[in-house]
Amino acid sequence: MHETQNHASLSEFFYGAVTVGERGQVVIPAEARKLLHLEPGDKLLVFRHPHAPGLALARVDDVQDLLTLLQRMADALANTTGEDASDG
């Protein structure tokens, strides 16, 4: 597969296959845990892909940080829009 500077290779995102156990558990491969700094006890959220049969995992703290950032951006946009509206 030809790789360009702007596109990452599949190997950068693929860590191998896992098997769902009887209790619905899977083991996240060690390489992924190390790269993502996942530690025992970390809480992960499980999302389903909105248009395909797939799952995504995200650390709770990371999702909270993202929501905080999005709220700040929304507030800044609302303030900017409000200021522009009062000028005219």
PDB file of N, CA and C in Angstrom:
ATOM      1  N   MET A   1       0.848  -1.172   0.000  1.00  0.00           N
ATOM      2  CA  MET A   1       0.000   0.000   0.000  1.00  0.00           C
ATOM      3  C   MET A   1       0.893   1.233   0.000  1.00  0.00           C
ATOM      4  N   HIS A   2       0.590   2.179  -0.864  1.00  0.00           N
ATOM      5  CA  HIS A   2       1.356   3.406  -0.961  1.00  0.00           C
ATOM      6  C   HIS A   2       0.920   4.357   0.152  1.00  0.00           C
ATOM      7  N   GLU A   3       1.872   4.931   0.856  1.00  0.00           N
ATOM      8  CA  GLU A   3       1.585   5.827   1.970  1.00  0.00           C
ATOM      9  C   GLU A   3       2.057   7.236   1.628  1.00  0.00           C
ATOM     10  N   THR A   4       1.195   8.221   1.848  1.00  0.00           N
ATOM     11  CA  THR A   4       1.574   9.608   1.616  1.00  0.00           C
ATOM     12  C   THR A   4       1.859  10.277   2.951  1.00  0.00           C
ATOM     13  N   GLN A   5       2.421  11.470   2.908  1.00  0.00           N
ATOM     14  CA  GLN A   5       2.717  12.195   4.140  1.00  0.00           C
ATOM     15  C   GLN A   5       1.452  12.511   4.927  1.00  0.00           C
ATOM     16  N   ASN A   6       0.341  12.740   4.260  1.00  0.00           N
ATOM     17  CA  ASN A   6      -0.890  13.151   4.924  1.00  0.00           C
ATOM     18  C   ASN A   6      -1.733  11.987   5.417  1.00  0.00           C
ATOM     19  N   HIS A   7      -1.381  10.767   5.056  1.00  0.00           N
ATOM     20  CA  HIS A   7      -2.186   9.622   5.432  1.00  0.00           C
ATOM     21  C   HIS A   7      -1.356   8.632   6.246  1.00  0.00           C
ATOM     22  N   ALA A   8      -1.911   8.220   7.380  1.00  0.00           N
ATOM     23  CA  ALA A   8      -1.251   7.233   8.211  1.00  0.00           C
ATOM     24  C   ALA A   8      -1.542   5.843   7.650  1.00  0.00           C
ATOM     25  N   SER A   9      -0.647   4.928   7.888  1.00  0.00           N
ATOM     26  CA  SER A   9      -0.862   3.564   7.418  1.00  0.00           C
ATOM     27  C   SER A   9      -1.813   2.834   8.366  1.00  0.00           C
ATOM     28  N   LEU A  10      -2.454   1.803   7.858  1.00  0.00           N
ATOM     29  CA  LEU A  10      -3.379   1.007   8.660  1.00  0.00           C
ATOM     30  C   LEU A  10      -2.682   0.446   9.894  1.00  0.00           C
ATOM     31  N   SER A  11      -1.408   0.095   9.771  1.00  0.00           N
ATOM     32  CA  SER A  11      -0.689  -0.503  10.898  1.00  0.00           C
ATOM     33  C   SER A  11      -0.577   0.438  12.090  1.00  0.00           C
ATOM     34  N   GLU A  12      -0.723   1.739  11.869  1.00  0.00           N
ATOM     35  CA  GLU A  12      -0.677   2.688  12.982  1.00  0.00           C
ATOM     36  C   GLU A  12      -1.957   2.654  13.816  1.00  0.00           C
ATOM     37  N   PHE A  13      -3.021   2.061  13.287  1.00  0.00           N
ATOM     38  CA  PHE A  13      -4.305   2.034  13.974  1.00  0.00           C
ATOM     39  C   PHE A  13      -4.794   0.626  14.288  1.00  0.00           C
ATOM     40  N   PHE A  14      -4.127  -0.375  13.790  1.00  0.00           N
ATOM     41  CA  PHE A  14      -4.567  -1.761  13.965  1.00  0.00           C
ATOM     42  C   PHE A  14      -3.611  -2.478  14.903  1.00  0.00           C
ATOM     43  N   TYR A  15      -4.162  -3.060  15.972  1.00  0.00           N
ATOM     44  CA  TYR A  15      -3.336  -3.717  16.971  1.00  0.00           C
ATOM     45  C   TYR A  15      -3.547  -5.220  17.029  1.00  0.00           C
ATOM     46  N   GLY A  16      -4.378  -5.772  16.170  1.00  0.00           N
ATOM     47  CA  GLY A  16      -4.607  -7.202  16.165  1.00  0.00           C
ATOM     48  C   GLY A  16      -6.061  -7.520  16.434  1.00  0.00           C
ATOM     49  N   ALA A  17      -6.351  -8.788  16.528  1.00  0.00           N
ATOM     50  CA  ALA A  17      -7.715  -9.259  16.754  1.00  0.00           C
ATOM     51  C   ALA A  17      -7.882  -9.652  18.211  1.00  0.00           C
ATOM     52  N   VAL A  18      -9.109  -9.501  18.709  1.00  0.00           N
ATOM     53  CA  VAL A  18      -9.434  -9.936  20.066  1.00  0.00           C
ATOM     54  C   VAL A  18     -10.646 -10.848  19.985  1.00  0.00           C
ATOM     55  N   THR A  19     -10.832 -11.647  21.018  1.00  0.00           N
ATOM     56  CA  THR A  19     -11.965 -12.556  21.087  1.00  0.00           C
ATOM     57  C   THR A  19     -12.865 -12.126  22.236  1.00  0.00           C
ATOM     58  N   VAL A  20     -14.154 -12.090  21.986  1.00  0.00           N
ATOM     59  CA  VAL A  20     -15.114 -11.765  23.035  1.00  0.00           C
ATOM     60  C   VAL A  20     -15.311 -13.015  23.879  1.00  0.00           C
ATOM     61  N   GLY A  21     -15.071 -12.871  25.167  1.00  0.00           N
ATOM     62  CA  GLY A  21     -15.233 -13.994  26.085  1.00  0.00           C
ATOM     63  C   GLY A  21     -16.688 -14.228  26.451  1.00  0.00           C
ATOM     64  N   GLU A  22     -16.937 -15.280  27.227  1.00  0.00           N
ATOM     65  CA  GLU A  22     -18.301 -15.653  27.621  1.00  0.00           C
ATOM     66  C   GLU A  22     -19.020 -14.522  28.349  1.00  0.00           C
ATOM     67  N   ARG A  23     -18.277 -13.714  29.083  1.00  0.00           N
ATOM     68  CA  ARG A  23     -18.875 -12.610  29.843  1.00  0.00           C
ATOM     69  C   ARG A  23     -18.845 -11.303  29.054  1.00  0.00           C
ATOM     70  N   GLY A  24     -18.523 -11.365  27.760  1.00  0.00           N
ATOM     71  CA  GLY A  24     -18.494 -10.170  26.929  1.00  0.00           C
ATOM     72  C   GLY A  24     -17.221  -9.363  27.064  1.00  0.00           C
ATOM     73  N   GLN A  25     -16.207  -9.930  27.677  1.00  0.00           N
ATOM     74  CA  GLN A  25     -14.964  -9.209  27.897  1.00  0.00           C
ATOM     75  C   GLN A  25     -13.995  -9.401  26.739  1.00  0.00           C
ATOM     76  N   VAL A  26     -13.195  -8.365  26.492  1.00  0.00           N
ATOM     77  CA  VAL A  26     -12.109  -8.446  25.530  1.00  0.00           C
ATOM     78  C   VAL A  26     -10.857  -7.902  26.200  1.00  0.00           C
ATOM     79  N   VAL A  27      -9.722  -8.327  25.704  1.00  0.00           N
ATOM     80  CA  VAL A  27      -8.443  -7.841  26.213  1.00  0.00           C
ATOM     81  C   VAL A  27      -7.886  -6.867  25.185  1.00  0.00           C
ATOM     82  N   ILE A  28      -7.592  -5.646  25.635  1.00  0.00           N
ATOM     83  CA  ILE A  28      -6.986  -4.649  24.749  1.00  0.00           C
ATOM     84  C   ILE A  28      -5.511  -5.022  24.614  1.00  0.00           C
ATOM     85  N   PRO A  29      -5.021  -5.154  23.388  1.00  0.00           N
ATOM     86  CA  PRO A  29      -3.628  -5.559  23.197  1.00  0.00           C
ATOM     87  C   PRO A  29      -2.639  -4.646  23.948  1.00  0.00           C
ATOM     88  N   ALA A  30      -1.576  -5.247  24.457  1.00  0.00           N
ATOM     89  CA  ALA A  30      -0.583  -4.534  25.268  1.00  0.00           C
ATOM     90  C   ALA A  30      -0.008  -3.321  24.546  1.00  0.00           C
ATOM     91  N   GLU A  31       0.261  -3.443  23.249  1.00  0.00           N
ATOM     92  CA  GLU A  31       0.828  -2.324  22.491  1.00  0.00           C
ATOM     93  C   GLU A  31      -0.114  -1.119  22.510  1.00  0.00           C
ATOM     94  N   ALA A  32      -1.411  -1.364  22.362  1.00  0.00           N
ATOM     95  CA  ALA A  32      -2.403  -0.284  22.387  1.00  0.00           C
ATOM     96  C   ALA A  32      -2.493   0.325  23.782  1.00  0.00           C
ATOM     97  N   ARG A  33      -2.493  -0.533  24.818  1.00  0.00           N
ATOM     98  CA  ARG A  33      -2.559  -0.015  26.191  1.00  0.00           C
ATOM     99  C   ARG A  33      -1.355   0.861  26.497  1.00  0.00           C
ATOM    100  N   LYS A  34      -0.189   0.435  26.054  1.00  0.00           N
ATOM    101  CA  LYS A  34       1.036   1.203  26.310  1.00  0.00           C
ATOM    102  C   LYS A  34       1.004   2.540  25.570  1.00  0.00           C
ATOM    103  N   LEU A  35       0.673   2.514  24.300  1.00  0.00           N
ATOM    104  CA  LEU A  35       0.644   3.728  23.488  1.00  0.00           C
ATOM    105  C   LEU A  35      -0.373   4.735  24.020  1.00  0.00           C
ATOM    106  N   LEU A  36      -1.529   4.240  24.457  1.00  0.00           N
ATOM    107  CA  LEU A  36      -2.607   5.110  24.916  1.00  0.00           C
ATOM    108  C   LEU A  36      -2.575   5.359  26.424  1.00  0.00           C
ATOM    109  N   HIS A  37      -1.560   4.825  27.090  1.00  0.00           N
ATOM    110  CA  HIS A  37      -1.380   5.002  28.539  1.00  0.00           C
ATOM    111  C   HIS A  37      -2.606   4.528  29.320  1.00  0.00           C
ATOM    112  N   LEU A  38      -3.168   3.396  28.905  1.00  0.00           N
ATOM    113  CA  LEU A  38      -4.293   2.807  29.617  1.00  0.00           C
ATOM    114  C   LEU A  38      -3.764   1.990  30.785  1.00  0.00           C
ATOM    115  N   GLU A  39      -4.333   2.229  31.940  1.00  0.00           N
ATOM    116  CA  GLU A  39      -3.898   1.562  33.165  1.00  0.00           C
ATOM    117  C   GLU A  39      -5.057   0.771  33.759  1.00  0.00           C
ATOM    118  N   PRO A  40      -4.752  -0.265  34.535  1.00  0.00           N
ATOM    119  CA  PRO A  40      -5.824  -0.994  35.215  1.00  0.00           C
ATOM    120  C   PRO A  40      -6.677  -0.018  36.035  1.00  0.00           C
ATOM    121  N   GLY A  41      -7.972  -0.157  35.930  1.00  0.00           N
ATOM    122  CA  GLY A  41      -8.889   0.721  36.655  1.00  0.00           C
ATOM    123  C   GLY A  41      -9.384   1.905  35.841  1.00  0.00           C
ATOM    124  N   ASP A  42      -8.747   2.194  34.695  1.00  0.00           N
ATOM    125  CA  ASP A  42      -9.238   3.275  33.837  1.00  0.00           C
ATOM    126  C   ASP A  42     -10.651   2.941  33.374  1.00  0.00           C
ATOM    127  N   LYS A  43     -11.516   3.934  33.367  1.00  0.00           N
ATOM    128  CA  LYS A  43     -12.889   3.753  32.901  1.00  0.00           C
ATOM    129  C   LYS A  43     -12.966   4.137  31.429  1.00  0.00           C
ATOM    130  N   LEU A  44     -13.548   3.251  30.625  1.00  0.00           N
ATOM    131  CA  LEU A  44     -13.714   3.503  29.202  1.00  0.00           C
ATOM    132  C   LEU A  44     -15.200   3.534  28.864  1.00  0.00           C
ATOM    133  N   LEU A  45     -15.555   4.425  27.957  1.00  0.00           N
ATOM    134  CA  LEU A  45     -16.909   4.454  27.416  1.00  0.00           C
ATOM    135  C   LEU A  45     -16.913   3.643  26.133  1.00  0.00           C
ATOM    136  N   VAL A  46     -18.002   2.947  25.873  1.00  0.00           N
ATOM    137  CA  VAL A  46     -18.132   2.139  24.674  1.00  0.00           C
ATOM    138  C   VAL A  46     -19.220   2.764  23.800  1.00  0.00           C
ATOM    139  N   PHE A  47     -18.838   3.153  22.598  1.00  0.00           N
ATOM    140  CA  PHE A  47     -19.770   3.743  21.645  1.00  0.00           C
ATOM    141  C   PHE A  47     -19.927   2.802  20.465  1.00  0.00           C
ATOM    142  N   ARG A  48     -21.095   2.802  19.865  1.00  0.00           N
ATOM    143  CA  ARG A  48     -21.255   2.065  18.620  1.00  0.00           C
ATOM    144  C   ARG A  48     -21.067   3.048  17.480  1.00  0.00           C
ATOM    145  N   HIS A  49     -20.564   2.549  16.383  1.00  0.00           N
ATOM    146  CA  HIS A  49     -20.405   3.371  15.192  1.00  0.00           C
ATOM    147  C   HIS A  49     -21.797   3.734  14.690  1.00  0.00           C
ATOM    148  N   PRO A  50     -22.040   4.994  14.309  1.00  0.00           N
ATOM    149  CA  PRO A  50     -23.393   5.393  13.915  1.00  0.00           C
ATOM    150  C   PRO A  50     -23.876   4.815  12.584  1.00  0.00           C
ATOM    151  N   HIS A  51     -22.954   4.382  11.710  1.00  0.00           N
ATOM    152  CA  HIS A  51     -23.370   3.938  10.384  1.00  0.00           C
ATOM    153  C   HIS A  51     -22.834   2.563   9.992  1.00  0.00           C
ATOM    154  N   ALA A  52     -22.093   1.930  10.860  1.00  0.00           N
ATOM    155  CA  ALA A  52     -21.495   0.637  10.521  1.00  0.00           C
ATOM    156  C   ALA A  52     -21.465  -0.236  11.773  1.00  0.00           C
ATOM    157  N   PRO A  53     -21.343  -1.540  11.598  1.00  0.00           N
ATOM    158  CA  PRO A  53     -21.266  -2.422  12.763  1.00  0.00           C
ATOM    159  C   PRO A  53     -19.873  -2.374  13.376  1.00  0.00           C
ATOM    160  N   GLY A  54     -19.667  -1.483  14.313  1.00  0.00           N
ATOM    161  CA  GLY A  54     -18.366  -1.363  14.956  1.00  0.00           C
ATOM    162  C   GLY A  54     -18.495  -0.644  16.279  1.00  0.00           C
ATOM    163  N   LEU A  55     -17.451  -0.749  17.084  1.00  0.00           N
ATOM    164  CA  LEU A  55     -17.411  -0.108  18.394  1.00  0.00           C
ATOM    165  C   LEU A  55     -16.189   0.787  18.495  1.00  0.00           C
ATOM    166  N   ALA A  56     -16.304   1.794  19.343  1.00  0.00           N
ATOM    167  CA  ALA A  56     -15.176   2.656  19.660  1.00  0.00           C
ATOM    168  C   ALA A  56     -15.096   2.779  21.175  1.00  0.00           C
ATOM    169  N   LEU A  57     -13.881   2.795  21.689  1.00  0.00           N
ATOM    170  CA  LEU A  57     -13.652   2.967  23.121  1.00  0.00           C
ATOM    171  C   LEU A  57     -12.998   4.318  23.347  1.00  0.00           C
ATOM    172  N   ALA A  58     -13.380   4.989  24.431  1.00  0.00           N
ATOM    173  CA  ALA A  58     -12.761   6.262  24.777  1.00  0.00           C
ATOM    174  C   ALA A  58     -12.676   6.366  26.293  1.00  0.00           C
ATOM    175  N   ARG A  59     -11.562   6.853  26.785  1.00  0.00           N
ATOM    176  CA  ARG A  59     -11.379   7.042  28.219  1.00  0.00           C
ATOM    177  C   ARG A  59     -12.354   8.131  28.691  1.00  0.00           C
ATOM    178  N   VAL A  60     -13.025   7.898  29.812  1.00  0.00           N
ATOM    179  CA  VAL A  60     -14.011   8.835  30.353  1.00  0.00           C
ATOM    180  C   VAL A  60     -13.403  10.225  30.499  1.00  0.00           C
ATOM    181  N   ASP A  61     -12.220  10.327  31.069  1.00  0.00           N
ATOM    182  CA  ASP A  61     -11.575  11.629  31.282  1.00  0.00           C
ATOM    183  C   ASP A  61     -11.352  12.356  29.959  1.00  0.00           C
ATOM    184  N   ASP A  62     -10.989  11.622  28.916  1.00  0.00           N
ATOM    185  CA  ASP A  62     -10.750  12.245  27.610  1.00  0.00           C
ATOM    186  C   ASP A  62     -12.054  12.780  27.018  1.00  0.00           C
ATOM    187  N   VAL A  63     -13.149  12.049  27.205  1.00  0.00           N
ATOM    188  CA  VAL A  63     -14.442  12.511  26.704  1.00  0.00           C
ATOM    189  C   VAL A  63     -14.880  13.752  27.480  1.00  0.00           C
ATOM    190  N   GLN A  64     -14.662  13.760  28.794  1.00  0.00           N
ATOM    191  CA  GLN A  64     -15.005  14.942  29.595  1.00  0.00           C
ATOM    192  C   GLN A  64     -14.195  16.151  29.145  1.00  0.00           C
ATOM    193  N   ASP A  65     -12.902  15.959  28.879  1.00  0.00           N
ATOM    194  CA  ASP A  65     -12.056  17.054  28.391  1.00  0.00           C
ATOM    195  C   ASP A  65     -12.559  17.569  27.046  1.00  0.00           C
ATOM    196  N   LEU A  66     -12.950  16.663  26.158  1.00  0.00           N
ATOM    197  CA  LEU A  66     -13.471  17.062  24.857  1.00  0.00           C
ATOM    198  C   LEU A  66     -14.767  17.859  25.006  1.00  0.00           C
ATOM    199  N   LEU A  67     -15.654  17.398  25.877  1.00  0.00           N
ATOM    200  CA  LEU A  67     -16.916  18.109  26.088  1.00  0.00           C
ATOM    201  C   LEU A  67     -16.676  19.504  26.659  1.00  0.00           C
ATOM    202  N   THR A  68     -15.715  19.636  27.565  1.00  0.00           N
ATOM    203  CA  THR A  68     -15.366  20.948  28.118  1.00  0.00           C
ATOM    204  C   THR A  68     -14.850  21.868  27.022  1.00  0.00           C
ATOM    205  N   LEU A  69     -13.965  21.356  26.178  1.00  0.00           N
ATOM    206  CA  LEU A  69     -13.431  22.145  25.066  1.00  0.00           C
ATOM    207  C   LEU A  69     -14.548  22.570  24.111  1.00  0.00           C
ATOM    208  N   LEU A  70     -15.436  21.644  23.768  1.00  0.00           N
ATOM    209  CA  LEU A  70     -16.541  21.972  22.866  1.00  0.00           C
ATOM    210  C   LEU A  70     -17.463  23.023  23.487  1.00  0.00           C
ATOM    211  N   GLN A  71     -17.690  22.938  24.804  1.00  0.00           N
ATOM    212  CA  GLN A  71     -18.541  23.931  25.471  1.00  0.00           C
ATOM    213  C   GLN A  71     -17.888  25.310  25.423  1.00  0.00           C
ATOM    214  N   ARG A  72     -16.574  25.370  25.652  1.00  0.00           N
ATOM    215  CA  ARG A  72     -15.857  26.655  25.564  1.00  0.00           C
ATOM    216  C   ARG A  72     -15.944  27.231  24.154  1.00  0.00           C
ATOM    217  N   MET A  73     -15.781  26.373  23.152  1.00  0.00           N
ATOM    218  CA  MET A  73     -15.870  26.834  21.770  1.00  0.00           C
ATOM    219  C   MET A  73     -17.277  27.333  21.452  1.00  0.00           C
ATOM    220  N   ALA A  74     -18.295  26.634  21.936  1.00  0.00           N
ATOM    221  CA  ALA A  74     -19.673  27.046  21.705  1.00  0.00           C
ATOM    222  C   ALA A  74     -19.957  28.377  22.397  1.00  0.00           C
ATOM    223  N   ASP A  75     -19.455  28.537  23.618  1.00  0.00           N
ATOM    224  CA  ASP A  75     -19.637  29.797  24.344  1.00  0.00           C
ATOM    225  C   ASP A  75     -18.955  30.946  23.615  1.00  0.00           C
ATOM    226  N   ALA A  76     -17.730  30.711  23.141  1.00  0.00           N
ATOM    227  CA  ALA A  76     -16.999  31.748  22.413  1.00  0.00           C
ATOM    228  C   ALA A  76     -17.730  32.124  21.135  1.00  0.00           C
ATOM    229  N   LEU A  77     -18.251  31.141  20.440  1.00  0.00           N
ATOM    230  CA  LEU A  77     -18.998  31.401  19.217  1.00  0.00           C
ATOM    231  C   LEU A  77     -20.272  32.188  19.519  1.00  0.00           C
ATOM    232  N   ALA A  78     -20.967  31.818  20.579  1.00  0.00           N
ATOM    233  CA  ALA A  78     -22.193  32.527  20.966  1.00  0.00           C
ATOM    234  C   ALA A  78     -21.871  33.976  21.331  1.00  0.00           C
ATOM    235  N   ASN A  79     -20.770  34.202  22.043  1.00  0.00           N
ATOM    236  CA  ASN A  79     -20.371  35.563  22.417  1.00  0.00           C
ATOM    237  C   ASN A  79     -20.011  36.378  21.186  1.00  0.00           C
ATOM    238  N   THR A  80     -19.298  35.766  20.254  1.00  0.00           N
ATOM    239  CA  THR A  80     -18.918  36.449  19.023  1.00  0.00           C
ATOM    240  C   THR A  80     -20.160  36.792  18.211  1.00  0.00           C
ATOM    241  N   THR A  81     -21.053  35.849  18.102  1.00  0.00           N
ATOM    242  CA  THR A  81     -22.282  36.065  17.340  1.00  0.00           C
ATOM    243  C   THR A  81     -23.133  37.144  18.008  1.00  0.00           C
ATOM    244  N   GLY A  82     -23.197  37.122  19.321  1.00  0.00           N
ATOM    245  CA  GLY A  82     -23.960  38.140  20.054  1.00  0.00           C
ATOM    246  C   GLY A  82     -23.373  39.514  19.879  1.00  0.00           C
ATOM    247  N   GLU A  83     -22.055  39.646  19.876  1.00  0.00           N
ATOM    248  CA  GLU A  83     -21.401  40.930  19.700  1.00  0.00           C
ATOM    249  C   GLU A  83     -21.660  41.451  18.285  1.00  0.00           C
ATOM    250  N   ASP A  84     -21.561  40.571  17.301  1.00  0.00           N
ATOM    251  CA  ASP A  84     -21.785  40.974  15.906  1.00  0.00           C
ATOM    252  C   ASP A  84     -23.213  41.449  15.716  1.00  0.00           C
ATOM    253  N   ALA A  85     -24.160  40.776  16.369  1.00  0.00           N
ATOM    254  CA  ALA A  85     -25.564  41.133  16.208  1.00  0.00           C
ATOM    255  C   ALA A  85     -25.861  42.495  16.831  1.00  0.00           C
ATOM    256  N   SER A  86     -25.179  42.831  17.922  1.00  0.00           N
ATOM    257  CA  SER A  86     -25.457  44.117  18.562  1.00  0.00           C
ATOM    258  C   SER A  86     -24.808  45.282  17.853  1.00  0.00           C
ATOM    259  N   ASP A  87     -23.828  45.025  16.972  1.00  0.00           N
ATOM    260  CA  ASP A  87     -23.170  46.090  16.222  1.00  0.00           C
ATOM    261  C   ASP A  87     -24.073  46.669  15.151  1.00  0.00           C
ATOM    262  N   GLY A  88     -24.998  45.873  14.636  1.00  0.00           N
ATOM    263  CA  GLY A  88     -25.806  46.319  13.498  1.00  0.00           C
ATOM    264  C   GLY A  88     -27.113  46.715  13.931  1.00  0.00           C
TER     265      GLY A  88
END
